Amino acid sequence: MTWAGASAGEIAAGVRSRTVSPLEVADEHLARIAALDARINAFRIVRHEQVRREARALATRGDLADLPLAGVPVAVKDNLDLAGCVTGHGSRAARQTAAESDTELVRRLRAAGALLIGKTNVPELCQWPVTESAAHGITRNPWRLTHTPGGSTGGGAAAVAAGMAALAIGSDGGGSIRIPSSCCGLVGLKPGDGVIARPPELGSNWLGISTFGPLATTVSDAALLLGVLTGDRYPAPAAPERPLRIGMTTEPPVLGASVDPQVRATVLATAEALRAAGHTVTEVAPPWRPQDALGFLARYFAGVAEDTTDLSADLLEPLTRKVARAGRVIGRVRRVPDAPPARQSERFAAWFTEHDLLLTPTLATPPVPVGAFAGKGFLRTLLDVPRFIPFTPPFNTVRYPAISVPAGLSDIGLPIGVQFAAAPGGETTLLAVAAQLERIRPWPRHAPLGDATTP
């Protein structure tokens, strides 16, 4: 069996049964990185010797047969501390001293038997839906190298979609797990508030709207990683326990945004498949209002301003300096509260008393070309970016769980995802409906790498 490209569940089962050694798994993935990543640029750091040494040590653990991620290569986003590696945050301004210890989420991965294969590229301070930075260059979509893998967990998504890692851990402050999952044909789950402990070294985590979660090629793998990160075992889902009331909309939350016809057709096809599976799917008025975007933007600006507090402004990208400056101005005018806006929260809570899930596009369009937002300036970027990602930020603002699931391909063969959102505590339901779709509308687990990906 070829282990580079195998699912996390398959790898862990093989290592636990000693069908394959952790070192064999590590070497296959390192070889795949060596063969592919010069074109994709998913990784900032590849831990060649360290991960081989850790793989040998893993094979001697007395509890190997009990480890949920035994020998599974996991890509770590470059905003998490991994001992011995600089935490780069996609920025030249980041402190260039290596982390002395693992952050708690990384410790959980190690304890579960994961092989931490490397750290993945992000845009500067994880603030954009594309992974392009002055510090570390452009990360490309393995489905088509002329296009973005999304952001900010773009490096992690590209690594998993190319089979260079079985899983990736990402963070999501406005869609940064779901956006790249949609762009790269992956399952990406943003848990609800408090499900995964936020690393305290990251400050307020954009005033509480950012959280960590899994990116995977299968729903069961996403559930497996979610269980490790939360400390609770999530059972591998099969299907919802009962027919669900699913509201559907393709009405963007952002003024001026429009949904690509291919994306709308993908959402409608998903809705039809769910109806055939016994669920009630109704096109409905969504719970958001256009003014909700202002609350998200206030938290985004304030979060970036906080993240730049101890960084040299001269080393930051010009656009980052402007975003941080806007955040400081907003902070001087009024305090941005940590809690979600009360009226918006009440409106979403009322909507979800009548519906179990909300089905939307993940993105308004298929993945955009590399450089789509480059050089446009502050105001133009702030107008164009929300039109690409209008559907993801509302669930950060109200802190509800949401998942992106692969649902189709564009006319040039790029992945298109659909998003499901649930009320707090709905992670298991999201995984269950995703698993049902995986069974009735299966998706390709990896990008079809080859000459077609050459720019």
Protein backbone atom coordinates (compact mmCIF):
# COMPACT_ATOMS: atom_id res chain seq x y z
CA MET A 1 0.00 0.00 0.00
CA THR A 2 1.15 3.55 -0.73
CA TRP A 3 0.90 5.46 2.52
CA ALA A 4 1.36 8.97 1.12
CA GLY A 5 -2.22 9.71 0.12
CA ALA A 6 -3.79 7.19 2.48
CA SER A 7 -6.39 8.52 4.90
CA ALA A 8 -5.44 9.33 8.47
CA GLY A 9 -7.63 6.47 9.68
CA GLU A 10 -5.88 4.01 7.36
CA ILE A 11 -2.42 5.17 8.40
CA ALA A 12 -3.20 5.03 12.12
CA ALA A 13 -4.69 1.53 11.78
CA GLY A 14 -1.63 0.35 9.86
CA VAL A 15 0.81 1.74 12.40
CA ARG A 16 -1.15 0.44 15.40
CA SER A 17 -1.21 -3.07 13.90
CA ARG A 18 2.47 -2.74 12.92
CA THR A 19 1.60 -3.36 9.28
CA VAL A 20 3.74 -0.32 8.56
CA SER A 21 6.30 1.51 10.67
CA PRO A 22 5.98 5.21 11.50
CA LEU A 23 9.33 5.74 9.77
CA GLU A 24 8.03 4.26 6.52
CA VAL A 25 5.03 6.56 6.67
CA ALA A 26 7.21 9.58 7.38
CA ASP A 27 9.66 8.76 4.58
CA GLU A 28 6.89 8.35 2.00
CA HIS A 29 5.42 11.74 2.90
CA LEU A 30 8.83 13.43 2.97
CA ALA A 31 9.54 12.02 -0.50
CA ARG A 32 6.21 13.36 -1.76
CA ILE A 33 7.00 16.79 -0.33
CA ALA A 34 10.40 16.72 -2.04
CA ALA A 35 8.74 15.83 -5.35
CA LEU A 36 5.89 18.36 -5.25
CA ASP A 37 6.38 21.26 -2.91
CA ALA A 38 8.81 23.24 -5.04
CA ARG A 39 5.80 23.90 -7.30
CA ILE A 40 3.15 24.31 -4.60
CA ASN A 41 5.02 26.03 -1.72
CA ALA A 42 2.72 24.66 0.97
CA PHE A 43 5.41 24.34 3.65
CA ARG A 44 7.53 27.00 5.30
CA ILE A 45 9.40 24.39 7.33
CA VAL A 46 9.73 20.67 6.67
CA ARG A 47 11.04 18.80 9.73
CA HIS A 48 13.05 16.20 7.79
CA GLU A 49 15.38 14.78 10.42
CA GLN A 50 13.27 15.68 13.43
CA VAL A 51 10.19 13.85 12.17
CA ARG A 52 12.24 10.77 11.21
CA ARG A 53 13.74 10.72 14.70
CA GLU A 54 10.31 11.13 16.27
CA ALA A 55 8.93 8.35 14.04
CA ARG A 56 11.58 5.92 15.30
CA ALA A 57 10.75 6.86 18.90
CA LEU A 58 7.02 6.47 18.25
CA ALA A 59 7.53 2.87 17.16
CA THR A 60 8.88 2.03 20.63
CA ARG A 61 5.95 3.48 22.59
CA GLY A 62 4.22 0.94 24.77
CA ASP A 63 0.84 2.52 24.12
CA LEU A 64 1.18 2.54 20.32
CA ALA A 65 -1.92 0.37 19.87
CA ASP A 66 -4.05 2.95 21.69
CA LEU A 67 -2.96 6.11 19.84
CA PRO A 68 -5.70 7.64 17.64
CA LEU A 69 -3.22 9.39 15.33
CA ALA A 70 -0.44 6.78 15.44
CA GLY A 71 2.05 7.70 12.73
CA VAL A 72 -0.29 10.15 10.96
CA PRO A 73 1.58 13.06 9.29
CA VAL A 74 -0.07 16.31 10.34
CA ALA A 75 0.72 19.76 8.93
CA VAL A 76 0.82 22.53 11.55
CA LYS A 77 -0.27 26.05 10.72
CA ASP A 78 2.45 28.63 11.20
CA ASN A 79 0.62 30.55 13.92
CA LEU A 80 1.03 27.70 16.43
CA ASP A 81 4.15 27.16 18.53
CA LEU A 82 6.00 23.97 17.59
CA ALA A 83 9.12 23.39 19.70
CA GLY A 84 12.33 24.12 17.81
CA CYS A 85 10.61 26.07 15.01
CA VAL A 86 10.12 29.78 14.54
CA THR A 87 6.43 30.72 14.62
CA GLY A 88 6.42 32.89 11.52
CA HIS A 89 2.81 34.14 11.18
CA GLY A 90 3.63 34.73 7.49
CA SER A 91 5.53 37.89 8.37
CA ARG A 92 9.05 39.28 8.24
CA ALA A 93 8.18 41.13 11.43
CA ALA A 94 7.68 37.96 13.49
CA ARG A 95 10.17 37.10 16.21
CA GLN A 96 12.87 34.93 14.67
CA THR A 97 13.66 32.83 17.74
CA ALA A 98 12.48 29.25 17.82
CA ALA A 99 9.64 28.29 20.14
CA GLU A 100 10.96 26.61 23.29
CA SER A 101 7.95 24.37 23.73
CA ASP A 102 4.82 23.14 21.98
CA THR A 103 1.56 24.96 22.42
CA GLU A 104 -1.22 22.88 24.00
CA LEU A 105 -2.87 21.86 20.72
CA VAL A 106 0.45 20.63 19.36
CA ARG A 107 1.05 18.72 22.59
CA ARG A 108 -2.27 16.98 22.06
CA LEU A 109 -1.24 15.99 18.55
CA ARG A 110 2.04 14.54 19.80
CA ALA A 111 0.33 12.69 22.63
CA ALA A 112 -2.05 11.13 20.10
CA GLY A 113 0.91 9.81 18.08
CA ALA A 114 0.89 12.32 15.22
CA LEU A 115 4.02 12.97 13.17
CA LEU A 116 4.37 16.75 12.89
CA ILE A 117 5.71 16.86 9.37
CA GLY A 118 6.16 20.62 9.10
CA LYS A 119 4.75 24.13 9.37
CA THR A 120 2.60 25.49 6.57
CA ASN A 121 2.49 28.85 4.85
CA VAL A 122 0.00 31.56 5.71
CA PRO A 123 -0.61 35.14 4.53
CA GLU A 124 0.80 37.81 6.80
CA LEU A 125 -0.80 37.48 10.25
CA CYS A 126 -3.34 35.03 8.79
CA GLN A 127 -5.57 37.88 7.67
CA TRP A 128 -6.35 37.16 3.99
CA PRO A 129 -8.32 34.52 2.05
CA VAL A 130 -5.31 33.86 -0.22
CA THR A 131 -1.89 32.58 0.87
CA GLU A 132 0.54 35.09 -0.57
CA SER A 133 3.11 36.96 1.52
CA ALA A 134 6.22 39.05 1.05
CA ALA A 135 7.97 36.83 3.59
CA HIS A 136 7.31 33.40 2.07
CA GLY A 137 5.92 33.90 -1.42
CA ILE A 138 2.89 32.40 -3.11
CA THR A 139 1.26 29.11 -2.15
CA ARG A 140 -0.54 27.53 -5.09
CA ASN A 141 -3.55 25.28 -5.44
CA PRO A 142 -2.49 21.71 -6.33
CA TRP A 143 -5.63 21.36 -8.47
CA ARG A 144 -4.36 24.18 -10.70
CA LEU A 145 -1.18 26.07 -9.88
CA THR A 146 -2.41 29.27 -11.49
CA HIS A 147 -5.06 29.57 -8.75
CA THR A 148 -5.12 30.15 -5.01
CA PRO A 149 -5.56 27.41 -2.41
CA GLY A 150 -7.36 30.00 -0.32
CA GLY A 151 -6.31 31.32 3.05
CA SER A 152 -5.33 31.73 5.60
CA THR A 153 -4.77 27.99 6.14
CA GLY A 154 -3.81 27.78 2.47
CA GLY A 155 -0.53 25.96 3.05
CA GLY A 156 -2.22 23.31 5.16
CA ALA A 157 -5.02 22.80 2.64
CA ALA A 158 -2.57 22.55 -0.27
CA ALA A 159 -0.45 20.04 1.65
CA VAL A 160 -3.42 17.76 2.38
CA ALA A 161 -4.93 18.08 -1.11
CA ALA A 162 -1.58 17.07 -2.63
CA GLY A 163 -1.14 14.11 -0.28
CA MET A 164 1.91 15.65 1.40
CA ALA A 165 0.18 15.38 4.80
CA ALA A 166 -2.83 13.34 5.86
CA LEU A 167 -4.30 16.10 8.03
CA ALA A 168 -3.80 19.77 8.76
CA ILE A 169 -4.69 21.87 11.75
CA GLY A 170 -5.95 25.33 10.88
CA SER A 171 -7.44 28.41 12.46
CA ASP A 172 -10.53 30.28 11.32
CA GLY A 173 -11.23 33.91 12.15
CA GLY A 174 -13.39 34.70 9.12
CA GLY A 175 -13.35 31.49 7.13
CA SER A 176 -9.68 30.53 7.21
CA ILE A 177 -10.43 26.79 7.53
CA ARG A 178 -13.52 26.72 5.30
CA ILE A 179 -12.17 28.95 2.51
CA PRO A 180 -9.09 26.81 1.71
CA SER A 181 -11.09 23.63 2.23
CA SER A 182 -13.51 24.78 -0.47
CA CYS A 183 -10.68 25.83 -2.79
CA CYS A 184 -8.81 22.52 -2.37
CA GLY A 185 -11.68 20.01 -2.20
CA LEU A 186 -11.39 19.19 1.51
CA VAL A 187 -13.59 18.83 4.56
CA GLY A 188 -12.92 21.78 6.88
CA LEU A 189 -14.70 22.32 10.19
CA LYS A 190 -14.78 25.49 12.25
CA PRO A 191 -16.05 24.42 15.69
CA GLY A 192 -18.28 26.58 17.80
CA ASP A 193 -17.17 28.77 20.66
CA GLY A 194 -15.25 27.00 23.41
CA VAL A 195 -15.13 23.57 21.73
CA ILE A 196 -11.36 23.82 21.18
CA ALA A 197 -9.30 25.81 23.66
CA ARG A 198 -7.72 28.88 22.07
CA PRO A 199 -3.92 29.23 22.51
CA PRO A 200 -3.45 32.01 25.09
CA GLU A 201 -0.23 33.16 23.43
CA LEU A 202 -2.35 34.38 20.49
CA GLY A 203 -3.99 37.04 22.64
CA SER A 204 -7.72 37.57 22.18
CA ASN A 205 -7.79 35.50 18.96
CA TRP A 206 -9.43 38.42 17.14
CA LEU A 207 -11.72 39.16 20.10
CA GLY A 208 -12.84 35.55 20.31
CA ILE A 209 -14.01 35.07 16.71
CA SER A 210 -11.05 32.87 15.72
CA THR A 211 -10.79 29.21 16.63
CA PHE A 212 -8.86 26.12 15.52
CA GLY A 213 -10.10 23.03 13.71
CA PRO A 214 -9.35 20.22 11.25
CA LEU A 215 -8.83 20.01 7.48
CA ALA A 216 -9.05 16.51 6.01
CA THR A 217 -9.88 14.52 2.87
CA THR A 218 -12.65 12.51 4.58
CA VAL A 219 -15.31 13.26 7.16
CA SER A 220 -14.11 10.48 9.46
CA ASP A 221 -10.59 11.94 9.40
CA ALA A 222 -11.95 15.39 10.28
CA ALA A 223 -13.87 13.86 13.18
CA LEU A 224 -10.75 12.00 14.30
CA LEU A 225 -8.65 15.17 14.44
CA LEU A 226 -11.47 17.14 16.07
CA GLY A 227 -11.59 14.55 18.83
CA VAL A 228 -7.86 14.83 19.48
CA LEU A 229 -7.96 18.63 19.57
CA THR A 230 -10.95 18.75 21.92
CA GLY A 231 -9.87 15.88 24.15
CA ASP A 232 -13.16 14.11 23.44
CA ARG A 233 -13.62 11.24 21.02
CA TYR A 234 -16.05 12.12 18.25
CA PRO A 235 -17.60 8.93 16.84
CA ALA A 236 -17.10 8.42 13.11
CA PRO A 237 -20.41 9.75 11.73
CA ALA A 238 -22.55 7.83 9.27
CA ALA A 239 -25.69 9.94 8.79
CA PRO A 240 -28.00 12.15 10.86
CA GLU A 241 -30.17 10.24 13.32
CA ARG A 242 -33.37 11.76 11.90
CA PRO A 243 -34.49 13.81 8.91
CA LEU A 244 -33.25 17.37 9.24
CA ARG A 245 -34.90 20.73 8.62
CA ILE A 246 -32.37 22.46 6.37
CA GLY A 247 -32.74 26.05 5.27
CA MET A 248 -30.91 26.96 2.08
CA THR A 249 -29.84 30.33 0.72
CA THR A 250 -27.49 31.68 -1.91
CA GLU A 251 -28.24 35.28 -0.91
CA PRO A 252 -24.88 36.84 0.08
CA PRO A 253 -24.59 38.65 3.40
CA VAL A 254 -22.49 41.39 1.74
CA LEU A 255 -23.88 44.19 -0.43
CA GLY A 256 -22.52 44.05 -3.96
CA ALA A 257 -21.59 40.37 -3.80
CA SER A 258 -22.98 37.94 -6.36
CA VAL A 259 -22.85 34.16 -6.56
CA ASP A 260 -21.25 32.53 -9.57
CA PRO A 261 -23.80 30.40 -11.50
CA GLN A 262 -21.58 27.32 -11.12
CA VAL A 263 -21.57 27.78 -7.36
CA ARG A 264 -25.34 28.24 -7.20
CA ALA A 265 -25.86 25.12 -9.32
CA THR A 266 -23.62 23.17 -6.94
CA VAL A 267 -25.65 24.28 -3.92
CA LEU A 268 -28.91 23.35 -5.65
CA ALA A 269 -27.56 19.92 -6.59
CA THR A 270 -26.53 19.37 -2.98
CA ALA A 271 -29.99 20.40 -1.79
CA GLU A 272 -31.61 17.95 -4.19
CA ALA A 273 -29.38 15.11 -2.97
CA LEU A 274 -30.35 15.89 0.62
CA ARG A 275 -34.06 15.90 -0.26
CA ALA A 276 -33.62 12.51 -1.90
CA ALA A 277 -32.01 11.31 1.33
CA GLY A 278 -35.14 12.26 3.27
CA HIS A 279 -34.35 15.73 4.59
CA THR A 280 -36.55 18.80 4.23
CA VAL A 281 -34.60 21.46 2.33
CA THR A 282 -36.30 24.79 1.80
CA GLU A 283 -35.02 27.98 0.22
CA VAL A 284 -35.42 30.56 2.98
CA ALA A 285 -34.55 34.07 4.04
CA PRO A 286 -31.16 33.90 5.79
CA PRO A 287 -30.59 35.06 9.37
CA TRP A 288 -28.07 37.76 8.43
CA ARG A 289 -28.45 41.43 7.54
CA PRO A 290 -26.01 43.54 5.48
CA GLN A 291 -25.11 45.66 8.51
CA ASP A 292 -23.76 42.56 10.28
CA ALA A 293 -20.60 42.90 8.22
CA LEU A 294 -19.68 46.02 10.19
CA GLY A 295 -19.44 44.03 13.43
CA PHE A 296 -17.16 41.48 11.82
CA LEU A 297 -14.93 44.16 10.29
CA ALA A 298 -14.58 45.94 13.64
CA ARG A 299 -13.35 42.71 15.24
CA TYR A 300 -11.08 41.93 12.31
CA PHE A 301 -9.45 45.38 12.37
CA ALA A 302 -9.09 45.26 16.17
CA GLY A 303 -7.62 41.75 16.01
CA VAL A 304 -4.98 42.68 13.44
CA ALA A 305 -4.11 45.81 15.43
CA GLU A 306 -3.60 43.65 18.52
CA ASP A 307 -1.48 41.16 16.58
CA THR A 308 0.89 43.94 15.45
CA THR A 309 1.37 45.51 18.88
CA ASP A 310 4.90 44.21 19.44
CA LEU A 311 5.98 44.01 15.79
CA SER A 312 8.18 46.43 13.86
CA ALA A 313 5.92 48.42 11.55
CA ASP A 314 8.79 48.83 9.08
CA LEU A 315 8.86 45.06 8.52
CA LEU A 316 5.13 44.67 7.99
CA GLU A 317 3.55 44.65 4.54
CA PRO A 318 2.05 48.06 3.64
CA LEU A 319 -1.51 46.71 3.56
CA THR A 320 -1.09 45.15 7.01
CA ARG A 321 0.08 48.48 8.40
CA LYS A 322 -3.08 50.14 7.05
CA VAL A 323 -5.38 47.47 8.48
CA ALA A 324 -3.67 47.74 11.89
CA ARG A 325 -3.89 51.54 11.78
CA ALA A 326 -7.62 51.30 11.05
CA GLY A 327 -8.00 48.95 14.02
CA ARG A 328 -6.28 51.39 16.35
CA VAL A 329 -8.45 54.27 15.12
CA ILE A 330 -11.60 52.22 15.71
CA GLY A 331 -10.34 51.33 19.20
CA ARG A 332 -9.86 54.98 20.05
CA VAL A 333 -13.35 55.92 18.85
CA ARG A 334 -15.15 53.11 20.68
CA ARG A 335 -14.39 49.89 22.46
CA VAL A 336 -15.07 46.83 20.34
CA PRO A 337 -16.84 44.37 22.69
CA ASP A 338 -15.61 40.80 23.10
CA ALA A 339 -19.13 39.34 23.06
CA PRO A 340 -21.05 38.78 19.82
CA PRO A 341 -23.49 41.58 18.91
CA ALA A 342 -26.67 40.95 20.92
CA ARG A 343 -29.19 41.68 18.15
CA GLN A 344 -27.35 39.52 15.65
CA SER A 345 -27.03 36.68 18.16
CA GLU A 346 -30.74 36.84 19.01
CA ARG A 347 -31.66 36.80 15.32
CA PHE A 348 -29.46 33.77 14.57
CA ALA A 349 -30.70 31.92 17.67
CA ALA A 350 -34.32 32.48 16.62
CA TRP A 351 -33.61 31.29 13.07
CA PHE A 352 -32.03 28.07 14.30
CA THR A 353 -35.05 27.23 16.47
CA GLU A 354 -36.91 26.61 13.20
CA HIS A 355 -34.07 24.95 11.28
CA ASP A 356 -31.43 22.37 12.16
CA LEU A 357 -28.90 23.53 9.57
CA LEU A 358 -28.28 26.34 7.12
CA LEU A 359 -26.91 25.39 3.68
CA THR A 360 -25.02 28.06 1.70
CA PRO A 361 -22.13 28.31 -0.73
CA THR A 362 -18.81 28.33 1.07
CA LEU A 363 -17.47 30.93 -1.38
CA ALA A 364 -19.25 33.16 -3.87
CA THR A 365 -17.01 31.98 -6.72
CA PRO A 366 -14.65 29.12 -7.49
CA PRO A 367 -11.02 29.69 -6.41
CA VAL A 368 -9.63 32.95 -7.78
CA PRO A 369 -6.36 33.20 -9.72
CA VAL A 370 -3.12 33.81 -7.86
CA GLY A 371 -2.59 37.56 -7.42
CA ALA A 372 -6.30 38.40 -7.68
CA PHE A 373 -6.08 40.86 -4.78
CA ALA A 374 -2.42 41.93 -5.16
CA GLY A 375 -1.61 45.62 -5.44
CA LYS A 376 -5.18 46.85 -5.24
CA GLY A 377 -4.73 49.09 -2.24
CA PHE A 378 -6.57 49.31 1.05
CA LEU A 379 -10.09 50.33 0.02
CA ARG A 380 -10.24 48.22 -3.16
CA THR A 381 -9.08 45.14 -1.24
CA LEU A 382 -11.65 45.69 1.50
CA LEU A 383 -14.37 45.86 -1.16
CA ASP A 384 -13.22 42.90 -3.24
CA VAL A 385 -12.30 40.37 -0.54
CA PRO A 386 -15.77 40.23 1.11
CA ARG A 387 -17.32 39.61 -2.32
CA PHE A 388 -15.23 36.45 -2.61
CA ILE A 389 -15.92 35.19 0.94
CA PRO A 390 -19.29 36.69 1.98
CA PHE A 391 -20.72 33.49 3.49
CA THR A 392 -18.07 32.53 6.03
CA PRO A 393 -17.60 35.52 8.42
CA PRO A 394 -21.14 35.63 9.89
CA PHE A 395 -20.54 32.36 11.73
CA ASN A 396 -17.35 33.70 13.24
CA THR A 397 -19.14 36.77 14.54
CA VAL A 398 -21.89 34.73 16.25
CA ARG A 399 -19.38 31.92 17.00
CA TYR A 400 -21.51 29.10 15.57
CA PRO A 401 -20.00 25.91 14.14
CA ALA A 402 -19.78 25.59 10.36
CA ILE A 403 -18.28 23.10 7.91
CA SER A 404 -17.24 23.23 4.26
CA VAL A 405 -17.82 20.04 2.27
CA PRO A 406 -16.62 19.27 -1.29
CA ALA A 407 -19.61 19.37 -3.62
CA GLY A 408 -18.47 19.74 -7.22
CA LEU A 409 -15.95 21.06 -9.73
CA SER A 410 -15.93 24.22 -11.82
CA ASP A 411 -15.74 24.22 -15.60
CA ILE A 412 -11.94 24.30 -15.38
CA GLY A 413 -11.77 21.54 -12.78
CA LEU A 414 -11.40 23.55 -9.57
CA PRO A 415 -13.21 22.42 -6.40
CA ILE A 416 -16.42 24.06 -5.22
CA GLY A 417 -17.53 23.59 -1.62
CA VAL A 418 -20.83 24.06 0.16
CA GLN A 419 -21.16 25.27 3.73
CA PHE A 420 -23.43 23.99 6.49
CA ALA A 421 -23.86 25.89 9.74
CA ALA A 422 -25.53 24.81 12.97
CA ALA A 423 -26.45 26.27 16.33
CA PRO A 424 -23.93 25.92 19.19
CA GLY A 425 -23.26 22.27 19.97
CA GLY A 426 -24.08 21.18 16.42
CA GLU A 427 -20.65 19.82 15.43
CA THR A 428 -21.83 16.19 15.47
CA THR A 429 -24.81 17.03 13.24
CA LEU A 430 -22.52 18.86 10.80
CA LEU A 431 -20.20 15.86 10.61
CA ALA A 432 -23.13 13.48 10.18
CA VAL A 433 -24.70 15.33 7.24
CA ALA A 434 -21.25 15.73 5.67
CA ALA A 435 -20.69 11.98 6.00
CA GLN A 436 -24.04 11.29 4.37
CA LEU A 437 -23.12 13.52 1.44
CA GLU A 438 -19.73 11.84 1.22
CA ARG A 439 -21.52 8.54 0.75
CA ILE A 440 -24.18 9.64 -1.73
CA ARG A 441 -22.09 12.24 -3.62
CA PRO A 442 -18.47 11.09 -3.17
CA TRP A 443 -15.65 13.45 -4.01
CA PRO A 444 -12.04 12.93 -5.18
CA ARG A 445 -9.82 12.90 -2.12
CA HIS A 446 -6.77 14.49 -3.76
CA ALA A 447 -5.91 16.84 -6.58
CA PRO A 448 -5.10 15.07 -9.86
CA LEU A 449 -1.46 16.14 -9.88
CA GLY A 450 0.36 16.21 -13.17
CA ASP A 451 1.13 18.42 -16.14
CA ALA A 452 -2.33 20.00 -15.92
CA THR A 453 -1.26 21.80 -12.73
CA THR A 454 1.67 23.57 -14.39
CA PRO A 455 1.05 27.34 -14.62
